[in-house]
C-alpha atoms as a PDB file:
ATOM      1  CA  MET A   1       1.504 115.258-115.823  1.00  0.00           C
ATOM      2  CA  THR A   2      -1.607 116.701-114.485  1.00  0.00           C
ATOM      3  CA  LEU A   3      -2.290 117.020-110.623  1.00  0.00           C
ATOM      4  CA  GLY A   4      -5.454 118.039-108.958  1.00  0.00           C
ATOM      5  CA  LEU A   5      -6.696 118.645-105.509  1.00  0.00           C
ATOM      6  CA  ASN A   6     -10.326 118.872-104.547  1.00  0.00           C
ATOM      7  CA  ILE A   7     -11.558 119.810-100.952  1.00  0.00           C
ATOM      8  CA  ALA A   8     -15.235 119.480-100.176  1.00  0.00           C
ATOM      9  CA  ASN A   9     -16.766 121.316 -97.287  1.00  0.00           C
ATOM     10  CA  ILE A  10     -13.509 123.174 -96.601  1.00  0.00           C
ATOM     11  CA  MET A  11     -14.912 124.951 -93.460  1.00  0.00           C
ATOM     12  CA  ASP A  12     -16.293 121.622 -92.135  1.00  0.00           C
ATOM     13  CA  THR A  13     -19.718 123.084 -91.590  1.00  0.00           C
ATOM     14  CA  LYS A  14     -22.756 120.970 -90.550  1.00  0.00           C
ATOM     15  CA  ALA A  15     -25.763 120.564 -92.818  1.00  0.00           C
ATOM     16  CA  PRO A  16     -28.452 122.995 -92.046  1.00  0.00           C
ATOM     17  CA  TYR A  17     -31.380 121.729 -89.789  1.00  0.00           C
ATOM     18  CA  TYR A  18     -34.279 120.731 -91.937  1.00  0.00           C
ATOM     19  CA  PRO A  19     -37.435 119.665 -90.137  1.00  0.00           C
ATOM     20  CA  THR A  20     -39.881 117.655 -92.242  1.00  0.00           C
ATOM     21  CA  THR A  21     -42.671 115.009 -91.993  1.00  0.00           C
ATOM     22  CA  THR A  22     -40.548 111.937 -92.909  1.00  0.00           C
ATOM     23  CA  ALA A  23     -39.229 109.741 -90.110  1.00  0.00           C
ATOM     24  CA  ALA A  24     -35.776 109.421 -91.655  1.00  0.00           C
ATOM     25  CA  THR A  25     -35.272 113.117 -92.063  1.00  0.00           C
ATOM     26  CA  ILE A  26     -36.413 113.971 -88.656  1.00  0.00           C
ATOM     27  CA  ALA A  27     -33.955 111.334 -87.210  1.00  0.00           C
ATOM     28  CA  GLN A  28     -31.099 112.765 -89.257  1.00  0.00           C
ATOM     29  CA  GLY A  29     -31.945 116.379 -88.744  1.00  0.00           C
ATOM     30  CA  TYR A  30     -30.945 117.470 -92.317  1.00  0.00           C
ATOM     31  CA  ASN A  31     -32.157 116.841 -95.865  1.00  0.00           C
ATOM     32  CA  SER A  32     -30.240 113.881 -97.082  1.00  0.00           C
ATOM     33  CA  THR A  33     -31.098 114.561-100.738  1.00  0.00           C
ATOM     34  CA  LEU A  34     -29.195 117.898-100.598  1.00  0.00           C
ATOM     35  CA  HIS A  35     -26.604 117.350 -97.869  1.00  0.00           C
ATOM     36  CA  ASN A  36     -24.589 114.460 -96.235  1.00  0.00           C
ATOM     37  CA  ASN A  37     -22.971 113.975 -92.923  1.00  0.00           C
ATOM     38  CA  THR A  38     -19.414 113.183 -94.276  1.00  0.00           C
ATOM     39  CA  GLY A  39     -17.921 116.494 -93.266  1.00  0.00           C
ATOM     40  CA  ARG A  40     -14.640 117.663 -94.806  1.00  0.00           C
ATOM     41  CA  TYR A  41     -12.857 115.429 -97.326  1.00  0.00           C
ATOM     42  CA  PHE A  42      -9.978 115.711 -99.588  1.00  0.00           C
ATOM     43  CA  ARG A  43      -9.463 114.132-103.076  1.00  0.00           C
ATOM     44  CA  VAL A  44      -6.029 114.155-104.865  1.00  0.00           C
ATOM     45  CA  THR A  45      -5.733 113.169-108.465  1.00  0.00           C
ATOM     46  CA  ALA A  46      -2.722 112.512-110.801  1.00  0.00           C
ATOM     47  CA  LYS A  47      -2.890 111.864-114.562  1.00  0.00           C
ATOM     48  CA  TYR A  48       0.186 110.923-116.478  1.00  0.00           C
ATOM     49  CA  THR A  49       0.105 110.233-120.286  1.00  0.00           C
ATOM     50  CA  PHE A  50       2.792 108.047-121.835  1.00  0.00           C
ATOM     51  CA  ARG A  51       4.127 109.097-125.292  1.00  0.00           C
END
C-alpha cells in the first residue's frame, strides 16, 4: 500500500499583485496564468495493488 499527501500553498499566501493592461487581470489583481485564488488545499492519495 502506498499513501501520499500533497499540500499546495502551505503558508496560504496570496498571489502577488500584477498590474497589466488586460481588463480581466486588473479586476483579479494577479496573473491568472501563473497563480490562482484557490488558497491552501490538501490532496491525500492511496494506492493498493492486489496480488
